[in-house]
Amino acid sequence: TDELAEVLPQWLPGNEASLVLFASYWQMEAVVKKL
């Protein structure tokens, strides 16, 4: 979960339309908080 929060910014440029799919709701919320 910590590594997801670390690497996601490099794959989410500000000029694109992005969809990030998580396998669980709790992990999504944890990553959102860290980001």
PDB file of all heavy atoms in Angstrom:
ATOM      1  N   THR A   1       0.835  -1.208   0.000  1.00  0.00           N
ATOM      2  CA  THR A   1       0.000   0.000   0.000  1.00  0.00           C
ATOM      3  C   THR A   1       0.866   1.252   0.000  1.00  0.00           C
ATOM      4  O   THR A   1       0.595   2.219  -0.728  1.00  0.00           O
ATOM      5  CB  THR A   1      -0.945   0.001   1.213  1.00  0.00           C
ATOM      6  OG1 THR A   1      -1.768  -1.166   1.164  1.00  0.00           O
ATOM      7  CG2 THR A   1      -1.838   1.232   1.223  1.00  0.00           C
ATOM      8  N   ASP A   2       1.943   1.231   0.791  1.00  0.00           N
ATOM      9  CA  ASP A   2       2.854   2.376   0.827  1.00  0.00           C
ATOM     10  C   ASP A   2       3.527   2.572  -0.529  1.00  0.00           C
ATOM     11  O   ASP A   2       3.691   3.705  -0.996  1.00  0.00           O
ATOM     12  CB  ASP A   2       3.927   2.165   1.900  1.00  0.00           C
ATOM     13  CG  ASP A   2       3.356   2.230   3.304  1.00  0.00           C
ATOM     14  OD1 ASP A   2       2.355   2.949   3.497  1.00  0.00           O
ATOM     15  OD2 ASP A   2       3.893   1.553   4.193  1.00  0.00           O
ATOM     16  N   GLU A   3       3.908   1.452  -1.178  1.00  0.00           N
ATOM     17  CA  GLU A   3       4.567   1.587  -2.479  1.00  0.00           C
ATOM     18  C   GLU A   3       3.599   2.106  -3.541  1.00  0.00           C
ATOM     19  O   GLU A   3       3.995   2.884  -4.427  1.00  0.00           O
ATOM     20  CB  GLU A   3       5.181   0.257  -2.932  1.00  0.00           C
ATOM     21  CG  GLU A   3       6.034   0.456  -4.184  1.00  0.00           C
ATOM     22  CD  GLU A   3       6.738  -0.800  -4.650  1.00  0.00           C
ATOM     23  OE1 GLU A   3       6.475  -1.884  -4.098  1.00  0.00           O
ATOM     24  OE2 GLU A   3       7.547  -0.699  -5.594  1.00  0.00           O
ATOM     25  N   LEU A   4       2.342   1.707  -3.470  1.00  0.00           N
ATOM     26  CA  LEU A   4       1.349   2.253  -4.399  1.00  0.00           C
ATOM     27  C   LEU A   4       1.308   3.778  -4.301  1.00  0.00           C
ATOM     28  O   LEU A   4       1.306   4.484  -5.317  1.00  0.00           O
ATOM     29  CB  LEU A   4      -0.039   1.670  -4.115  1.00  0.00           C
ATOM     30  CG  LEU A   4      -0.331   0.242  -4.567  1.00  0.00           C
ATOM     31  CD1 LEU A   4      -1.768  -0.140  -4.194  1.00  0.00           C
ATOM     32  CD2 LEU A   4      -0.135   0.086  -6.069  1.00  0.00           C
ATOM     33  N   ALA A   5       1.245   4.267  -3.067  1.00  0.00           N
ATOM     34  CA  ALA A   5       1.197   5.718  -2.865  1.00  0.00           C
ATOM     35  C   ALA A   5       2.472   6.392  -3.367  1.00  0.00           C
ATOM     36  O   ALA A   5       2.452   7.541  -3.826  1.00  0.00           O
ATOM     37  CB  ALA A   5       0.987   6.026  -1.386  1.00  0.00           C
ATOM     38  N   GLU A   6       3.582   5.648  -3.330  1.00  0.00           N
ATOM     39  CA  GLU A   6       4.866   6.200  -3.768  1.00  0.00           C
ATOM     40  C   GLU A   6       4.973   6.269  -5.291  1.00  0.00           C
ATOM     41  O   GLU A   6       5.471   7.265  -5.844  1.00  0.00           O
ATOM     42  CB  GLU A   6       5.989   5.315  -3.207  1.00  0.00           C
ATOM     43  CG  GLU A   6       7.391   5.743  -3.589  1.00  0.00           C
ATOM     44  CD  GLU A   6       8.427   4.746  -3.090  1.00  0.00           C
ATOM     45  OE1 GLU A   6       8.240   4.185  -1.991  1.00  0.00           O
ATOM     46  OE2 GLU A   6       9.418   4.515  -3.819  1.00  0.00           O
ATOM     47  N   VAL A   7       4.478   5.218  -5.997  1.00  0.00           N
ATOM     48  CA  VAL A   7       4.697   5.162  -7.449  1.00  0.00           C
ATOM     49  C   VAL A   7       3.557   5.758  -8.267  1.00  0.00           C
ATOM     50  O   VAL A   7       3.766   6.149  -9.428  1.00  0.00           O
ATOM     51  CB  VAL A   7       4.951   3.705  -7.919  1.00  0.00           C
ATOM     52  CG1 VAL A   7       6.124   3.106  -7.170  1.00  0.00           C
ATOM     53  CG2 VAL A   7       3.717   2.841  -7.771  1.00  0.00           C
ATOM     54  N   LEU A   8       2.350   5.833  -7.720  1.00  0.00           N
ATOM     55  CA  LEU A   8       1.216   6.303  -8.519  1.00  0.00           C
ATOM     56  C   LEU A   8       1.411   7.706  -9.107  1.00  0.00           C
ATOM     57  O   LEU A   8       1.044   7.944 -10.267  1.00  0.00           O
ATOM     58  CB  LEU A   8      -0.077   6.245  -7.702  1.00  0.00           C
ATOM     59  CG  LEU A   8      -0.797   4.895  -7.692  1.00  0.00           C
ATOM     60  CD1 LEU A   8      -1.971   4.898  -6.713  1.00  0.00           C
ATOM     61  CD2 LEU A   8      -1.292   4.527  -9.097  1.00  0.00           C
ATOM     62  N   PRO A   9       1.968   8.681  -8.367  1.00  0.00           N
ATOM     63  CA  PRO A   9       2.097  10.028  -8.952  1.00  0.00           C
ATOM     64  C   PRO A   9       2.845  10.048 -10.284  1.00  0.00           C
ATOM     65  O   PRO A   9       2.511  10.847 -11.171  1.00  0.00           O
ATOM     66  CB  PRO A   9       2.847  10.806  -7.864  1.00  0.00           C
ATOM     67  CG  PRO A   9       2.431  10.134  -6.593  1.00  0.00           C
ATOM     68  CD  PRO A   9       2.352   8.673  -6.942  1.00  0.00           C
ATOM     69  N   GLN A  10       3.862   9.161 -10.472  1.00  0.00           N
ATOM     70  CA  GLN A  10       4.610   9.202 -11.727  1.00  0.00           C
ATOM     71  C   GLN A  10       3.797   8.676 -12.908  1.00  0.00           C
ATOM     72  O   GLN A  10       4.152   8.920 -14.069  1.00  0.00           O
ATOM     73  CB  GLN A  10       5.907   8.402 -11.581  1.00  0.00           C
ATOM     74  CG  GLN A  10       5.718   6.903 -11.542  1.00  0.00           C
ATOM     75  CD  GLN A  10       7.011   6.168 -11.237  1.00  0.00           C
ATOM     76  OE1 GLN A  10       7.499   6.161 -10.108  1.00  0.00           O
ATOM     77  NE2 GLN A  10       7.585   5.554 -12.260  1.00  0.00           N
ATOM     78  N   TRP A  11       2.696   7.942 -12.623  1.00  0.00           N
ATOM     79  CA  TRP A  11       1.852   7.406 -13.689  1.00  0.00           C
ATOM     80  C   TRP A  11       0.545   8.189 -13.838  1.00  0.00           C
ATOM     81  O   TRP A  11      -0.348   7.774 -14.573  1.00  0.00           O
ATOM     82  CB  TRP A  11       1.533   5.932 -13.425  1.00  0.00           C
ATOM     83  CG  TRP A  11       2.764   5.069 -13.423  1.00  0.00           C
ATOM     84  CD1 TRP A  11       3.377   4.508 -12.339  1.00  0.00           C
ATOM     85  CD2 TRP A  11       3.544   4.687 -14.560  1.00  0.00           C
ATOM     86  NE1 TRP A  11       4.479   3.798 -12.717  1.00  0.00           N
ATOM     87  CE2 TRP A  11       4.608   3.887 -14.084  1.00  0.00           C
ATOM     88  CE3 TRP A  11       3.449   4.944 -15.931  1.00  0.00           C
ATOM     89  CZ2 TRP A  11       5.572   3.342 -14.927  1.00  0.00           C
ATOM     90  CZ3 TRP A  11       4.398   4.396 -16.775  1.00  0.00           C
ATOM     91  CH2 TRP A  11       5.449   3.606 -16.284  1.00  0.00           C
ATOM     92  N   LEU A  12       0.435   9.325 -13.146  1.00  0.00           N
ATOM     93  CA  LEU A  12      -0.791  10.128 -13.201  1.00  0.00           C
ATOM     94  C   LEU A  12      -0.477  11.564 -13.623  1.00  0.00           C
ATOM     95  O   LEU A  12      -0.534  12.496 -12.808  1.00  0.00           O
ATOM     96  CB  LEU A  12      -1.499  10.109 -11.835  1.00  0.00           C
ATOM     97  CG  LEU A  12      -2.102   8.767 -11.425  1.00  0.00           C
ATOM     98  CD1 LEU A  12      -2.564   8.803  -9.968  1.00  0.00           C
ATOM     99  CD2 LEU A  12      -3.279   8.405 -12.338  1.00  0.00           C
ATOM    100  N   PRO A  13      -0.152  11.760 -14.898  1.00  0.00           N
ATOM    101  CA  PRO A  13       0.131  13.126 -15.372  1.00  0.00           C
ATOM    102  C   PRO A  13      -1.124  13.994 -15.342  1.00  0.00           C
ATOM    103  O   PRO A  13      -2.243  13.500 -15.466  1.00  0.00           O
ATOM    104  CB  PRO A  13       0.621  12.907 -16.808  1.00  0.00           C
ATOM    105  CG  PRO A  13       0.038  11.593 -17.215  1.00  0.00           C
ATOM    106  CD  PRO A  13      -0.017  10.761 -15.967  1.00  0.00           C
ATOM    107  N   GLY A  14      -0.928  15.276 -15.184  1.00  0.00           N
ATOM    108  CA  GLY A  14      -2.056  16.183 -15.016  1.00  0.00           C
ATOM    109  C   GLY A  14      -2.851  16.455 -16.268  1.00  0.00           C
ATOM    110  O   GLY A  14      -3.952  17.009 -16.192  1.00  0.00           O
ATOM    111  N   ASN A  15      -2.338  16.079 -17.440  1.00  0.00           N
ATOM    112  CA  ASN A  15      -3.032  16.408 -18.688  1.00  0.00           C
ATOM    113  C   ASN A  15      -3.781  15.222 -19.292  1.00  0.00           C
ATOM    114  O   ASN A  15      -4.214  15.288 -20.436  1.00  0.00           O
ATOM    115  CB  ASN A  15      -2.029  16.956 -19.709  1.00  0.00           C
ATOM    116  CG  ASN A  15      -0.940  15.931 -20.034  1.00  0.00           C
ATOM    117  OD1 ASN A  15      -0.766  14.955 -19.310  1.00  0.00           O
ATOM    118  ND2 ASN A  15      -0.206  16.194 -21.105  1.00  0.00           N
ATOM    119  N   GLU A  16      -3.925  14.121 -18.568  1.00  0.00           N
ATOM    120  CA  GLU A  16      -4.599  12.942 -19.108  1.00  0.00           C
ATOM    121  C   GLU A  16      -5.845  12.602 -18.295  1.00  0.00           C
ATOM    122  O   GLU A  16      -6.003  13.032 -17.148  1.00  0.00           O
ATOM    123  CB  GLU A  16      -3.651  11.738 -19.118  1.00  0.00           C
ATOM    124  CG  GLU A  16      -2.553  11.843 -20.167  1.00  0.00           C
ATOM    125  CD  GLU A  16      -1.982  10.476 -20.516  1.00  0.00           C
ATOM    126  OE1 GLU A  16      -2.770   9.534 -20.707  1.00  0.00           O
ATOM    127  OE2 GLU A  16      -0.739  10.364 -20.585  1.00  0.00           O
ATOM    128  N   ALA A  17      -6.708  11.802 -18.940  1.00  0.00           N
ATOM    129  CA  ALA A  17      -7.887  11.269 -18.250  1.00  0.00           C
ATOM    130  C   ALA A  17      -7.528   9.890 -17.731  1.00  0.00           C
ATOM    131  O   ALA A  17      -7.265   8.969 -18.509  1.00  0.00           O
ATOM    132  CB  ALA A  17      -9.068  11.183 -19.218  1.00  0.00           C
ATOM    133  N   SER A  18      -7.482   9.746 -16.414  1.00  0.00           N
ATOM    134  CA  SER A  18      -6.982   8.524 -15.791  1.00  0.00           C
ATOM    135  C   SER A  18      -8.049   7.846 -14.953  1.00  0.00           C
ATOM    136  O   SER A  18      -8.902   8.505 -14.346  1.00  0.00           O
ATOM    137  CB  SER A  18      -5.770   8.832 -14.899  1.00  0.00           C
ATOM    138  OG  SER A  18      -4.716   9.407 -15.635  1.00  0.00           O
ATOM    139  N   LEU A  19      -7.977   6.517 -14.915  1.00  0.00           N
ATOM    140  CA  LEU A  19      -8.809   5.701 -14.032  1.00  0.00           C
ATOM    141  C   LEU A  19      -7.891   4.745 -13.291  1.00  0.00           C
ATOM    142  O   LEU A  19      -7.130   3.991 -13.916  1.00  0.00           O
ATOM    143  CB  LEU A  19      -9.846   4.908 -14.839  1.00  0.00           C
ATOM    144  CG  LEU A  19     -10.618   3.808 -14.091  1.00  0.00           C
ATOM    145  CD1 LEU A  19     -11.468   4.405 -12.974  1.00  0.00           C
ATOM    146  CD2 LEU A  19     -11.495   3.007 -15.056  1.00  0.00           C
ATOM    147  N   VAL A  20      -7.937   4.775 -11.965  1.00  0.00           N
ATOM    148  CA  VAL A  20      -7.129   3.885 -11.135  1.00  0.00           C
ATOM    149  C   VAL A  20      -8.072   2.899 -10.456  1.00  0.00           C
ATOM    150  O   VAL A  20      -8.982   3.303  -9.720  1.00  0.00           O
ATOM    151  CB  VAL A  20      -6.324   4.671 -10.076  1.00  0.00           C
ATOM    152  CG1 VAL A  20      -5.399   3.726  -9.305  1.00  0.00           C
ATOM    153  CG2 VAL A  20      -5.528   5.792 -10.723  1.00  0.00           C
ATOM    154  N   LEU A  21      -7.847   1.607 -10.707  1.00  0.00           N
ATOM    155  CA  LEU A  21      -8.712   0.565 -10.158  1.00  0.00           C
ATOM    156  C   LEU A  21      -8.001  -0.162  -9.017  1.00  0.00           C
ATOM    157  O   LEU A  21      -6.871  -0.651  -9.191  1.00  0.00           O
ATOM    158  CB  LEU A  21      -9.101  -0.436 -11.243  1.00  0.00           C
ATOM    159  CG  LEU A  21     -10.000   0.098 -12.362  1.00  0.00           C
ATOM    160  CD1 LEU A  21     -10.178  -0.952 -13.448  1.00  0.00           C
ATOM    161  CD2 LEU A  21     -11.357   0.528 -11.801  1.00  0.00           C
ATOM    162  N   PHE A  22      -8.671  -0.233  -7.882  1.00  0.00           N
ATOM    163  CA  PHE A  22      -8.140  -0.919  -6.706  1.00  0.00           C
ATOM    164  C   PHE A  22      -8.912  -2.218  -6.478  1.00  0.00           C
ATOM    165  O   PHE A  22     -10.088  -2.327  -6.832  1.00  0.00           O
ATOM    166  CB  PHE A  22      -8.266  -0.032  -5.470  1.00  0.00           C
ATOM    167  CG  PHE A  22      -7.391   1.192  -5.503  1.00  0.00           C
ATOM    168  CD1 PHE A  22      -7.814   2.351  -6.153  1.00  0.00           C
ATOM    169  CD2 PHE A  22      -6.148   1.202  -4.887  1.00  0.00           C
ATOM    170  CE1 PHE A  22      -7.015   3.478  -6.194  1.00  0.00           C
ATOM    171  CE2 PHE A  22      -5.336   2.321  -4.918  1.00  0.00           C
ATOM    172  CZ  PHE A  22      -5.776   3.466  -5.570  1.00  0.00           C
ATOM    173  N   ALA A  23      -8.246  -3.186  -5.850  1.00  0.00           N
ATOM    174  CA  ALA A  23      -8.883  -4.477  -5.582  1.00  0.00           C
ATOM    175  C   ALA A  23      -9.747  -4.433  -4.328  1.00  0.00           C
ATOM    176  O   ALA A  23     -10.565  -5.322  -4.113  1.00  0.00           O
ATOM    177  CB  ALA A  23      -7.835  -5.576  -5.450  1.00  0.00           C
ATOM    178  N   SER A  24      -9.562  -3.416  -3.490  1.00  0.00           N
ATOM    179  CA  SER A  24     -10.373  -3.322  -2.269  1.00  0.00           C
ATOM    180  C   SER A  24     -10.626  -1.864  -1.924  1.00  0.00           C
ATOM    181  O   SER A  24      -9.813  -0.977  -2.234  1.00  0.00           O
ATOM    182  CB  SER A  24      -9.675  -4.010  -1.091  1.00  0.00           C
ATOM    183  OG  SER A  24      -8.469  -3.337  -0.763  1.00  0.00           O
ATOM    184  N   TYR A  25     -11.737  -1.628  -1.265  1.00  0.00           N
ATOM    185  CA  TYR A  25     -12.124  -0.278  -0.892  1.00  0.00           C
ATOM    186  C   TYR A  25     -11.178   0.295   0.163  1.00  0.00           C
ATOM    187  O   TYR A  25     -10.787   1.459   0.099  1.00  0.00           O
ATOM    188  CB  TYR A  25     -13.559  -0.288  -0.379  1.00  0.00           C
ATOM    189  CG  TYR A  25     -14.153   1.083  -0.175  1.00  0.00           C
ATOM    190  CD1 TYR A  25     -14.681   1.806  -1.241  1.00  0.00           C
ATOM    191  CD2 TYR A  25     -14.169   1.673   1.083  1.00  0.00           C
ATOM    192  CE1 TYR A  25     -15.220   3.070  -1.059  1.00  0.00           C
ATOM    193  CE2 TYR A  25     -14.705   2.931   1.277  1.00  0.00           C
ATOM    194  CZ  TYR A  25     -15.231   3.627   0.209  1.00  0.00           C
ATOM    195  OH  TYR A  25     -15.755   4.871   0.397  1.00  0.00           O
ATOM    196  N   TRP A  26     -10.783  -0.567   1.131  1.00  0.00           N
ATOM    197  CA  TRP A  26      -9.922  -0.064   2.211  1.00  0.00           C
ATOM    198  C   TRP A  26      -8.563   0.375   1.682  1.00  0.00           C
ATOM    199  O   TRP A  26      -8.009   1.383   2.130  1.00  0.00           O
ATOM    200  CB  TRP A  26      -9.747  -1.113   3.315  1.00  0.00           C
ATOM    201  CG  TRP A  26      -8.839  -2.262   2.953  1.00  0.00           C
ATOM    202  CD1 TRP A  26      -9.192  -3.473   2.490  1.00  0.00           C
ATOM    203  CD2 TRP A  26      -7.398  -2.262   3.034  1.00  0.00           C
ATOM    204  NE1 TRP A  26      -8.077  -4.251   2.252  1.00  0.00           N
ATOM    205  CE2 TRP A  26      -6.959  -3.531   2.586  1.00  0.00           C
ATOM    206  CE3 TRP A  26      -6.438  -1.322   3.428  1.00  0.00           C
ATOM    207  CZ2 TRP A  26      -5.616  -3.887   2.525  1.00  0.00           C
ATOM    208  CZ3 TRP A  26      -5.086  -1.671   3.367  1.00  0.00           C
ATOM    209  CH2 TRP A  26      -4.688  -2.946   2.921  1.00  0.00           C
ATOM    210  N   GLN A  27      -8.014  -0.378   0.700  1.00  0.00           N
ATOM    211  CA  GLN A  27      -6.714  -0.002   0.157  1.00  0.00           C
ATOM    212  C   GLN A  27      -6.818   1.301  -0.644  1.00  0.00           C
ATOM    213  O   GLN A  27      -5.919   2.140  -0.591  1.00  0.00           O
ATOM    214  CB  GLN A  27      -6.161  -1.129  -0.710  1.00  0.00           C
ATOM    215  CG  GLN A  27      -4.696  -0.927  -1.093  1.00  0.00           C
ATOM    216  CD  GLN A  27      -4.078  -2.193  -1.619  1.00  0.00           C
ATOM    217  OE1 GLN A  27      -4.483  -2.695  -2.679  1.00  0.00           O
ATOM    218  NE2 GLN A  27      -3.095  -2.737  -0.900  1.00  0.00           N
ATOM    219  N   MET A  28      -7.914   1.461  -1.375  1.00  0.00           N
ATOM    220  CA  MET A  28      -8.123   2.708  -2.099  1.00  0.00           C
ATOM    221  C   MET A  28      -8.146   3.893  -1.132  1.00  0.00           C
ATOM    222  O   MET A  28      -7.470   4.910  -1.362  1.00  0.00           O
ATOM    223  CB  MET A  28      -9.441   2.655  -2.881  1.00  0.00           C
ATOM    224  CG  MET A  28      -9.755   3.943  -3.631  1.00  0.00           C
ATOM    225  SD  MET A  28     -11.335   3.873  -4.525  1.00  0.00           S
ATOM    226  CE  MET A  28     -12.506   3.946  -3.153  1.00  0.00           C
ATOM    227  N   GLU A  29      -8.889   3.777  -0.052  1.00  0.00           N
ATOM    228  CA  GLU A  29      -8.980   4.877   0.912  1.00  0.00           C
ATOM    229  C   GLU A  29      -7.636   5.158   1.566  1.00  0.00           C
ATOM    230  O   GLU A  29      -7.276   6.317   1.805  1.00  0.00           O
ATOM    231  CB  GLU A  29     -10.043   4.554   1.968  1.00  0.00           C
ATOM    232  CG  GLU A  29     -11.468   4.688   1.469  1.00  0.00           C
ATOM    233  CD  GLU A  29     -11.841   6.135   1.158  1.00  0.00           C
ATOM    234  OE1 GLU A  29     -11.212   7.065   1.698  1.00  0.00           O
ATOM    235  OE2 GLU A  29     -12.757   6.356   0.346  1.00  0.00           O
ATOM    236  N   ALA A  30      -6.876   4.101   1.860  1.00  0.00           N
ATOM    237  CA  ALA A  30      -5.560   4.284   2.480  1.00  0.00           C
ATOM    238  C   ALA A  30      -4.619   5.027   1.534  1.00  0.00           C
ATOM    239  O   ALA A  30      -3.867   5.924   1.958  1.00  0.00           O
ATOM    240  CB  ALA A  30      -4.977   2.926   2.862  1.00  0.00           C
ATOM    241  N   VAL A  31      -4.655   4.665   0.250  1.00  0.00           N
ATOM    242  CA  VAL A  31      -3.790   5.327  -0.736  1.00  0.00           C
ATOM    243  C   VAL A  31      -4.234   6.773  -0.952  1.00  0.00           C
ATOM    244  O   VAL A  31      -3.395   7.682  -1.059  1.00  0.00           O
ATOM    245  CB  VAL A  31      -3.791   4.541  -2.063  1.00  0.00           C
ATOM    246  CG1 VAL A  31      -3.089   5.335  -3.162  1.00  0.00           C
ATOM    247  CG2 VAL A  31      -3.117   3.188  -1.879  1.00  0.00           C
ATOM    248  N   VAL A  32      -5.531   7.014  -1.014  1.00  0.00           N
ATOM    249  CA  VAL A  32      -6.044   8.385  -1.180  1.00  0.00           C
ATOM    250  C   VAL A  32      -5.512   9.281  -0.059  1.00  0.00           C
ATOM    251  O   VAL A  32      -5.061  10.415  -0.295  1.00  0.00           O
ATOM    252  CB  VAL A  32      -7.585   8.391  -1.202  1.00  0.00           C
ATOM    253  CG1 VAL A  32      -8.116   9.821  -1.077  1.00  0.00           C
ATOM    254  CG2 VAL A  32      -8.109   7.761  -2.483  1.00  0.00           C
ATOM    255  N   LYS A  33      -5.553   8.760   1.151  1.00  0.00           N
ATOM    256  CA  LYS A  33      -5.092   9.549   2.306  1.00  0.00           C
ATOM    257  C   LYS A  33      -3.598   9.864   2.188  1.00  0.00           C
ATOM    258  O   LYS A  33      -3.158  10.991   2.458  1.00  0.00           O
ATOM    259  CB  LYS A  33      -5.369   8.766   3.588  1.00  0.00           C
ATOM    260  CG  LYS A  33      -5.144   9.565   4.858  1.00  0.00           C
ATOM    261  CD  LYS A  33      -5.586   8.793   6.096  1.00  0.00           C
ATOM    262  CE  LYS A  33      -7.087   8.635   6.109  1.00  0.00           C
ATOM    263  NZ  LYS A  33      -7.558   7.984   7.380  1.00  0.00           N
ATOM    264  N   LYS A  34      -2.802   8.881   1.759  1.00  0.00           N
ATOM    265  CA  LYS A  34      -1.355   9.082   1.643  1.00  0.00           C
ATOM    266  C   LYS A  34      -0.995  10.026   0.492  1.00  0.00           C
ATOM    267  O   LYS A  34       0.079  10.631   0.480  1.00  0.00           O
ATOM    268  CB  LYS A  34      -0.666   7.732   1.431  1.00  0.00           C
ATOM    269  CG  LYS A  34      -0.720   6.794   2.633  1.00  0.00           C
ATOM    270  CD  LYS A  34      -0.099   5.443   2.305  1.00  0.00           C
ATOM    271  CE  LYS A  34      -0.224   4.457   3.451  1.00  0.00           C
ATOM    272  NZ  LYS A  34       0.584   4.866   4.617  1.00  0.00           N
ATOM    273  N   LEU A  35      -1.892  10.138  -0.505  1.00  0.00           N
ATOM    274  CA  LEU A  35      -1.600  10.953  -1.695  1.00  0.00           C
ATOM    275  C   LEU A  35      -2.111  12.387  -1.602  1.00  0.00           C
ATOM    276  O   LEU A  35      -1.985  13.141  -2.572  1.00  0.00           O
ATOM    277  CB  LEU A  35      -2.203  10.289  -2.943  1.00  0.00           C
ATOM    278  CG  LEU A  35      -1.483   9.041  -3.461  1.00  0.00           C
ATOM    279  CD1 LEU A  35      -2.246   8.435  -4.635  1.00  0.00           C
ATOM    280  CD2 LEU A  35      -0.053   9.369  -3.871  1.00  0.00           C
TER     281      LEU A  35
END
